[in-house]
Amino acid sequence: MNIPPVRGVAAKLTLGGSLAIVNGTEASRYYEPLARLSIPAGKHVYWNTEWRWYGYSDQLFLYQGFQTHLFQTGVKLSR
């Protein structure tokens, strides 16, 4: 999804993720939404950032479940 330019800078926002639901003797659920943002910072320079959330739950063994956030950011140089 392209965001309308602000002061001549066009950013790109990407949304998505994964979802898995397993039924049966070991019913479990895994969910991973993500959001990415890329903003041009100059000629051939982009500032990128990303957020992901990991969540796993097991209905039979509750101690196996987990949830966590992951944030990443960086600069991309291209030719």
PDB file of N, CA and C in Angstrom:
ATOM      1  N   MET A   1       0.848  -1.164   0.000  1.00  0.00           N
ATOM      2  CA  MET A   1       0.000   0.000   0.000  1.00  0.00           C
ATOM      3  C   MET A   1       0.899   1.233   0.000  1.00  0.00           C
ATOM      4  N   ASN A   2       0.743   2.079  -0.963  1.00  0.00           N
ATOM      5  CA  ASN A   2       1.518   3.314  -1.018  1.00  0.00           C
ATOM      6  C   ASN A   2       0.773   4.402  -0.266  1.00  0.00           C
ATOM      7  N   ILE A   3       1.496   5.133   0.546  1.00  0.00           N
ATOM      8  CA  ILE A   3       0.931   6.236   1.311  1.00  0.00           C
ATOM      9  C   ILE A   3       1.084   7.504   0.488  1.00  0.00           C
ATOM     10  N   PRO A   4       0.065   8.374   0.446  1.00  0.00           N
ATOM     11  CA  PRO A   4       0.199   9.610  -0.326  1.00  0.00           C
ATOM     12  C   PRO A   4       1.426  10.413   0.109  1.00  0.00           C
ATOM     13  N   PRO A   5       2.132  11.028  -0.860  1.00  0.00           N
ATOM     14  CA  PRO A   5       3.352  11.772  -0.531  1.00  0.00           C
ATOM     15  C   PRO A   5       3.097  12.955   0.390  1.00  0.00           C
ATOM     16  N   VAL A   6       4.002  13.143   1.335  1.00  0.00           N
ATOM     17  CA  VAL A   6       3.981  14.301   2.215  1.00  0.00           C
ATOM     18  C   VAL A   6       5.282  15.044   1.966  1.00  0.00           C
ATOM     19  N   ARG A   7       5.180  16.258   1.475  1.00  0.00           N
ATOM     20  CA  ARG A   7       6.353  17.076   1.131  1.00  0.00           C
ATOM     21  C   ARG A   7       7.237  16.365   0.117  1.00  0.00           C
ATOM     22  N   GLY A   8       6.632  15.653  -0.822  1.00  0.00           N
ATOM     23  CA  GLY A   8       7.369  14.997  -1.893  1.00  0.00           C
ATOM     24  C   GLY A   8       7.965  13.651  -1.522  1.00  0.00           C
ATOM     25  N   VAL A   9       7.705  13.142  -0.316  1.00  0.00           N
ATOM     26  CA  VAL A   9       8.242  11.861   0.116  1.00  0.00           C
ATOM     27  C   VAL A   9       7.122  10.834   0.133  1.00  0.00           C
ATOM     28  N   ALA A  10       7.265   9.769  -0.667  1.00  0.00           N
ATOM     29  CA  ALA A  10       6.244   8.724  -0.748  1.00  0.00           C
ATOM     30  C   ALA A  10       6.707   7.507   0.052  1.00  0.00           C
ATOM     31  N   ALA A  11       5.977   7.162   1.085  1.00  0.00           N
ATOM     32  CA  ALA A  11       6.303   6.009   1.921  1.00  0.00           C
ATOM     33  C   ALA A  11       5.485   4.810   1.471  1.00  0.00           C
ATOM     34  N   LYS A  12       5.941   3.611   1.835  1.00  0.00           N
ATOM     35  CA  LYS A  12       5.233   2.385   1.481  1.00  0.00           C
ATOM     36  C   LYS A  12       4.960   1.604   2.762  1.00  0.00           C
ATOM     37  N   LEU A  13       3.692   1.258   2.981  1.00  0.00           N
ATOM     38  CA  LEU A  13       3.266   0.492   4.144  1.00  0.00           C
ATOM     39  C   LEU A  13       2.797  -0.880   3.683  1.00  0.00           C
ATOM     40  N   THR A  14       3.307  -1.930   4.319  1.00  0.00           N
ATOM     41  CA  THR A  14       2.925  -3.304   3.994  1.00  0.00           C
ATOM     42  C   THR A  14       2.369  -3.956   5.248  1.00  0.00           C
ATOM     43  N   LEU A  15       1.183  -4.561   5.124  1.00  0.00           N
ATOM     44  CA  LEU A  15       0.552  -5.272   6.227  1.00  0.00           C
ATOM     45  C   LEU A  15       0.311  -6.709   5.807  1.00  0.00           C
ATOM     46  N   GLY A  16       0.453  -7.644   6.733  1.00  0.00           N
ATOM     47  CA  GLY A  16       0.224  -9.050   6.409  1.00  0.00           C
ATOM     48  C   GLY A  16       0.448  -9.926   7.623  1.00  0.00           C
ATOM     49  N   GLY A  17       0.716 -11.184   7.374  1.00  0.00           N
ATOM     50  CA  GLY A  17       0.985 -12.087   8.472  1.00  0.00           C
ATOM     51  C   GLY A  17       0.584 -13.512   8.161  1.00  0.00           C
ATOM     52  N   SER A  18       0.621 -14.346   9.207  1.00  0.00           N
ATOM     53  CA  SER A  18       0.300 -15.762   9.082  1.00  0.00           C
ATOM     54  C   SER A  18      -0.619 -16.183  10.211  1.00  0.00           C
ATOM     55  N   LEU A  19      -1.454 -17.165   9.928  1.00  0.00           N
ATOM     56  CA  LEU A  19      -2.348 -17.736  10.927  1.00  0.00           C
ATOM     57  C   LEU A  19      -2.472 -19.221  10.650  1.00  0.00           C
ATOM     58  N   ALA A  20      -2.263 -20.041  11.683  1.00  0.00           N
ATOM     59  CA  ALA A  20      -2.428 -21.490  11.555  1.00  0.00           C
ATOM     60  C   ALA A  20      -3.223 -21.986  12.754  1.00  0.00           C
ATOM     61  N   ILE A  21      -4.330 -22.676  12.484  1.00  0.00           N
ATOM     62  CA  ILE A  21      -5.152 -23.272  13.525  1.00  0.00           C
ATOM     63  C   ILE A  21      -5.191 -24.768  13.272  1.00  0.00           C
ATOM     64  N   VAL A  22      -4.731 -25.532  14.262  1.00  0.00           N
ATOM     65  CA  VAL A  22      -4.668 -26.980  14.135  1.00  0.00           C
ATOM     66  C   VAL A  22      -5.649 -27.592  15.133  1.00  0.00           C
ATOM     67  N   ASN A  23      -6.551 -28.432  14.659  1.00  0.00           N
ATOM     68  CA  ASN A  23      -7.501 -29.122  15.524  1.00  0.00           C
ATOM     69  C   ASN A  23      -7.105 -30.583  15.652  1.00  0.00           C
ATOM     70  N   GLY A  24      -7.623 -31.248  16.648  1.00  0.00           N
ATOM     71  CA  GLY A  24      -7.327 -32.666  16.850  1.00  0.00           C
ATOM     72  C   GLY A  24      -6.829 -32.915  18.251  1.00  0.00           C
ATOM     73  N   THR A  25      -5.995 -33.939  18.408  1.00  0.00           N
ATOM     74  CA  THR A  25      -5.516 -34.294  19.750  1.00  0.00           C
ATOM     75  C   THR A  25      -4.553 -33.266  20.311  1.00  0.00           C
ATOM     76  N   GLU A  26      -3.801 -32.599  19.472  1.00  0.00           N
ATOM     77  CA  GLU A  26      -2.899 -31.530  19.926  1.00  0.00           C
ATOM     78  C   GLU A  26      -3.318 -30.211  19.284  1.00  0.00           C
ATOM     79  N   ALA A  27      -4.471 -29.724  19.690  1.00  0.00           N
ATOM     80  CA  ALA A  27      -4.993 -28.480  19.128  1.00  0.00           C
ATOM     81  C   ALA A  27      -4.075 -27.320  19.494  1.00  0.00           C
ATOM     82  N   SER A  28      -3.704 -26.536  18.502  1.00  0.00           N
ATOM     83  CA  SER A  28      -2.813 -25.398  18.735  1.00  0.00           C
ATOM     84  C   SER A  28      -3.176 -24.267  17.785  1.00  0.00           C
ATOM     85  N   ARG A  29      -2.636 -23.101  18.099  1.00  0.00           N
ATOM     86  CA  ARG A  29      -2.903 -21.908  17.294  1.00  0.00           C
ATOM     87  C   ARG A  29      -1.622 -21.072  17.219  1.00  0.00           C
ATOM     88  N   TYR A  30      -1.272 -20.648  16.007  1.00  0.00           N
ATOM     89  CA  TYR A  30      -0.082 -19.815  15.773  1.00  0.00           C
ATOM     90  C   TYR A  30      -0.526 -18.590  14.984  1.00  0.00           C
ATOM     91  N   TYR A  31      -0.127 -17.408  15.452  1.00  0.00           N
ATOM     92  CA  TYR A  31      -0.532 -16.165  14.814  1.00  0.00           C
ATOM     93  C   TYR A  31       0.677 -15.249  14.730  1.00  0.00           C
ATOM     94  N   GLU A  32       0.905 -14.659  13.542  1.00  0.00           N
ATOM     95  CA  GLU A  32       2.059 -13.791  13.316  1.00  0.00           C
ATOM     96  C   GLU A  32       1.677 -12.626  12.403  1.00  0.00           C
ATOM     97  N   PRO A  33       1.090 -11.561  12.950  1.00  0.00           N
ATOM     98  CA  PRO A  33       0.848 -10.375  12.117  1.00  0.00           C
ATOM     99  C   PRO A  33       2.144  -9.593  11.940  1.00  0.00           C
ATOM    100  N   LEU A  34       2.222  -8.815  10.858  1.00  0.00           N
ATOM    101  CA  LEU A  34       3.407  -7.987  10.642  1.00  0.00           C
ATOM    102  C   LEU A  34       3.019  -6.687   9.951  1.00  0.00           C
ATOM    103  N   ALA A  35       3.851  -5.683  10.168  1.00  0.00           N
ATOM    104  CA  ALA A  35       3.698  -4.379   9.520  1.00  0.00           C
ATOM    105  C   ALA A  35       5.089  -3.881   9.149  1.00  0.00           C
ATOM    106  N   ARG A  36       5.237  -3.422   7.913  1.00  0.00           N
ATOM    107  CA  ARG A  36       6.513  -2.877   7.429  1.00  0.00           C
ATOM    108  C   ARG A  36       6.276  -1.472   6.895  1.00  0.00           C
ATOM    109  N   LEU A  37       7.250  -0.610   7.122  1.00  0.00           N
ATOM    110  CA  LEU A  37       7.188   0.761   6.633  1.00  0.00           C
ATOM    111  C   LEU A  37       8.525   1.108   6.002  1.00  0.00           C
ATOM    112  N   SER A  38       8.488   1.606   4.761  1.00  0.00           N
ATOM    113  CA  SER A  38       9.687   2.022   4.041  1.00  0.00           C
ATOM    114  C   SER A  38       9.522   3.486   3.641  1.00  0.00           C
ATOM    115  N   ILE A  39      10.476   4.311   4.072  1.00  0.00           N
ATOM    116  CA  ILE A  39      10.414   5.751   3.805  1.00  0.00           C
ATOM    117  C   ILE A  39      11.701   6.172   3.102  1.00  0.00           C
ATOM    118  N   PRO A  40      11.601   6.803   1.927  1.00  0.00           N
ATOM    119  CA  PRO A  40      12.810   7.310   1.268  1.00  0.00           C
ATOM    120  C   PRO A  40      13.445   8.422   2.112  1.00  0.00           C
ATOM    121  N   ALA A  41      14.755   8.309   2.333  1.00  0.00           N
ATOM    122  CA  ALA A  41      15.471   9.301   3.136  1.00  0.00           C
ATOM    123  C   ALA A  41      16.423  10.121   2.275  1.00  0.00           C
ATOM    124  N   GLY A  42      16.467   9.859   1.009  1.00  0.00           N
ATOM    125  CA  GLY A  42      17.355  10.552   0.090  1.00  0.00           C
ATOM    126  C   GLY A  42      17.432   9.751  -1.200  1.00  0.00           C
ATOM    127  N   LYS A  43      18.296  10.168  -2.115  1.00  0.00           N
ATOM    128  CA  LYS A  43      18.449   9.447  -3.363  1.00  0.00           C
ATOM    129  C   LYS A  43      19.122   8.104  -3.092  1.00  0.00           C
ATOM    130  N   HIS A  44      18.449   7.017  -3.402  1.00  0.00           N
ATOM    131  CA  HIS A  44      18.943   5.652  -3.210  1.00  0.00           C
ATOM    132  C   HIS A  44      19.138   5.272  -1.737  1.00  0.00           C
ATOM    133  N   VAL A  45      18.471   5.958  -0.832  1.00  0.00           N
ATOM    134  CA  VAL A  45      18.557   5.653   0.603  1.00  0.00           C
ATOM    135  C   VAL A  45      17.131   5.510   1.147  1.00  0.00           C
ATOM    136  N   TYR A  46      16.873   4.399   1.832  1.00  0.00           N
ATOM    137  CA  TYR A  46      15.556   4.133   2.393  1.00  0.00           C
ATOM    138  C   TYR A  46      15.684   3.740   3.858  1.00  0.00           C
ATOM    139  N   TRP A  47      14.797   4.286   4.676  1.00  0.00           N
ATOM    140  CA  TRP A  47      14.721   3.877   6.070  1.00  0.00           C
ATOM    141  C   TRP A  47      13.595   2.862   6.168  1.00  0.00           C
ATOM    142  N   ASN A  48      13.909   1.657   6.646  1.00  0.00           N
ATOM    143  CA  ASN A  48      12.935   0.579   6.754  1.00  0.00           C
ATOM    144  C   ASN A  48      12.742   0.206   8.216  1.00  0.00           C
ATOM    145  N   THR A  49      11.517  -0.086   8.585  1.00  0.00           N
ATOM    146  CA  THR A  49      11.217  -0.569   9.921  1.00  0.00           C
ATOM    147  C   THR A  49      10.146  -1.650   9.822  1.00  0.00           C
ATOM    148  N   GLU A  50      10.175  -2.578  10.762  1.00  0.00           N
ATOM    149  CA  GLU A  50       9.256  -3.710  10.724  1.00  0.00           C
ATOM    150  C   GLU A  50       8.867  -4.112  12.138  1.00  0.00           C
ATOM    151  N   TRP A  51       7.601  -4.511  12.309  1.00  0.00           N
ATOM    152  CA  TRP A  51       7.105  -5.033  13.576  1.00  0.00           C
ATOM    153  C   TRP A  51       6.441  -6.367  13.304  1.00  0.00           C
ATOM    154  N   ARG A  52       6.738  -7.354  14.143  1.00  0.00           N
ATOM    155  CA  ARG A  52       6.080  -8.662  14.102  1.00  0.00           C
ATOM    156  C   ARG A  52       5.690  -9.047  15.514  1.00  0.00           C
ATOM    157  N   TRP A  53       4.606  -9.791  15.608  1.00  0.00           N
ATOM    158  CA  TRP A  53       4.182 -10.334  16.888  1.00  0.00           C
ATOM    159  C   TRP A  53       3.995 -11.825  16.701  1.00  0.00           C
ATOM    160  N   TYR A  54       4.660 -12.607  17.535  1.00  0.00           N
ATOM    161  CA  TYR A  54       4.537 -14.048  17.466  1.00  0.00           C
ATOM    162  C   TYR A  54       3.689 -14.521  18.634  1.00  0.00           C
ATOM    163  N   GLY A  55       2.708 -15.339  18.340  1.00  0.00           N
ATOM    164  CA  GLY A  55       1.879 -15.897  19.394  1.00  0.00           C
ATOM    165  C   GLY A  55       1.556 -17.349  19.109  1.00  0.00           C
ATOM    166  N   TYR A  56       1.820 -18.211  20.090  1.00  0.00           N
ATOM    167  CA  TYR A  56       1.536 -19.634  19.956  1.00  0.00           C
ATOM    168  C   TYR A  56       0.812 -20.080  21.215  1.00  0.00           C
ATOM    169  N   SER A  57      -0.246 -20.841  21.048  1.00  0.00           N
ATOM    170  CA  SER A  57      -0.951 -21.379  22.204  1.00  0.00           C
ATOM    171  C   SER A  57      -1.327 -22.829  21.936  1.00  0.00           C
ATOM    172  N   ASP A  58      -1.184 -23.633  22.963  1.00  0.00           N
ATOM    173  CA  ASP A  58      -1.511 -25.049  22.898  1.00  0.00           C
ATOM    174  C   ASP A  58      -2.583 -25.313  23.949  1.00  0.00           C
ATOM    175  N   GLN A  59      -3.708 -25.872  23.562  1.00  0.00           N
ATOM    176  CA  GLN A  59      -4.816 -26.055  24.490  1.00  0.00           C
ATOM    177  C   GLN A  59      -4.550 -27.156  25.512  1.00  0.00           C
ATOM    178  N   LEU A  60      -3.733 -28.137  25.179  1.00  0.00           N
ATOM    179  CA  LEU A  60      -3.468 -29.247  26.085  1.00  0.00           C
ATOM    180  C   LEU A  60      -2.299 -28.944  27.028  1.00  0.00           C
ATOM    181  N   PHE A  61      -1.216 -28.389  26.509  1.00  0.00           N
ATOM    182  CA  PHE A  61      -0.032 -28.061  27.303  1.00  0.00           C
ATOM    183  C   PHE A  61       0.145 -26.550  27.325  1.00  0.00           C
ATOM    184  N   LEU A  62      -0.440 -25.891  28.302  1.00  0.00           N
ATOM    185  CA  LEU A  62      -0.418 -24.430  28.360  1.00  0.00           C
ATOM    186  C   LEU A  62       0.991 -23.862  28.527  1.00  0.00           C
ATOM    187  N   TYR A  63       1.905 -24.613  29.154  1.00  0.00           N
ATOM    188  CA  TYR A  63       3.261 -24.113  29.377  1.00  0.00           C
ATOM    189  C   TYR A  63       4.061 -23.988  28.079  1.00  0.00           C
ATOM    190  N   GLN A  64       3.582 -24.576  26.983  1.00  0.00           N
ATOM    191  CA  GLN A  64       4.292 -24.473  25.709  1.00  0.00           C
ATOM    192  C   GLN A  64       3.967 -23.187  24.950  1.00  0.00           C
ATOM    193  N   GLY A  65       2.972 -22.459  25.389  1.00  0.00           N
ATOM    194  CA  GLY A  65       2.572 -21.236  24.694  1.00  0.00           C
ATOM    195  C   GLY A  65       3.554 -20.098  24.919  1.00  0.00           C
ATOM    196  N   PHE A  66       3.608 -19.174  23.970  1.00  0.00           N
ATOM    197  CA  PHE A  66       4.469 -17.998  24.107  1.00  0.00           C
ATOM    198  C   PHE A  66       3.897 -16.860  23.275  1.00  0.00           C
ATOM    199  N   GLN A  67       4.312 -15.655  23.609  1.00  0.00           N
ATOM    200  CA  GLN A  67       3.966 -14.447  22.861  1.00  0.00           C
ATOM    201  C   GLN A  67       5.163 -13.504  22.945  1.00  0.00           C
ATOM    202  N   THR A  68       5.493 -12.868  21.850  1.00  0.00           N
ATOM    203  CA  THR A  68       6.612 -11.928  21.864  1.00  0.00           C
ATOM    204  C   THR A  68       6.474 -10.917  20.720  1.00  0.00           C
ATOM    205  N   HIS A  69       7.060  -9.757  20.912  1.00  0.00           N
ATOM    206  CA  HIS A  69       7.129  -8.711  19.889  1.00  0.00           C
ATOM    207  C   HIS A  69       8.536  -8.676  19.320  1.00  0.00           C
ATOM    208  N   LEU A  70       8.655  -8.334  18.039  1.00  0.00           N
ATOM    209  CA  LEU A  70       9.949  -8.184  17.395  1.00  0.00           C
ATOM    210  C   LEU A  70       9.927  -6.881  16.599  1.00  0.00           C
ATOM    211  N   PHE A  71      10.862  -5.977  16.912  1.00  0.00           N
ATOM    212  CA  PHE A  71      10.990  -4.715  16.195  1.00  0.00           C
ATOM    213  C   PHE A  71      12.347  -4.697  15.495  1.00  0.00           C
ATOM    214  N   GLN A  72      12.354  -4.273  14.230  1.00  0.00           N
ATOM    215  CA  GLN A  72      13.595  -4.144  13.469  1.00  0.00           C
ATOM    216  C   GLN A  72      13.579  -2.811  12.744  1.00  0.00           C
ATOM    217  N   THR A  73      14.731  -2.226  12.595  1.00  0.00           N
ATOM    218  CA  THR A  73      14.853  -1.010  11.811  1.00  0.00           C
ATOM    219  C   THR A  73      16.238  -0.972  11.180  1.00  0.00           C
ATOM    220  N   GLY A  74      16.336  -0.279  10.061  1.00  0.00           N
ATOM    221  CA  GLY A  74      17.619  -0.208   9.368  1.00  0.00           C
ATOM    222  C   GLY A  74      17.567   0.735   8.192  1.00  0.00           C
ATOM    223  N   VAL A  75      18.726   0.915   7.581  1.00  0.00           N
ATOM    224  CA  VAL A  75      18.864   1.789   6.414  1.00  0.00           C
ATOM    225  C   VAL A  75      19.274   0.914   5.229  1.00  0.00           C
ATOM    226  N   LYS A  76      18.599   1.113   4.098  1.00  0.00           N
ATOM    227  CA  LYS A  76      18.921   0.379   2.868  1.00  0.00           C
ATOM    228  C   LYS A  76      19.529   1.325   1.861  1.00  0.00           C
ATOM    229  N   LEU A  77      20.703   0.971   1.348  1.00  0.00           N
ATOM    230  CA  LEU A  77      21.385   1.753   0.321  1.00  0.00           C
ATOM    231  C   LEU A  77      21.300   0.992  -0.981  1.00  0.00           C
ATOM    232  N   SER A  78      20.881   1.654  -2.051  1.00  0.00           N
ATOM    233  CA  SER A  78      20.776   1.003  -3.354  1.00  0.00           C
ATOM    234  C   SER A  78      21.463   1.848  -4.418  1.00  0.00           C
ATOM    235  N   ARG A  79      21.686   1.248  -5.563  1.00  0.00           N
ATOM    236  CA  ARG A  79      22.358   1.965  -6.644  1.00  0.00           C
ATOM    237  C   ARG A  79      21.366   2.445  -7.652  1.00  0.00           C
TER     238      ARG A  79
END
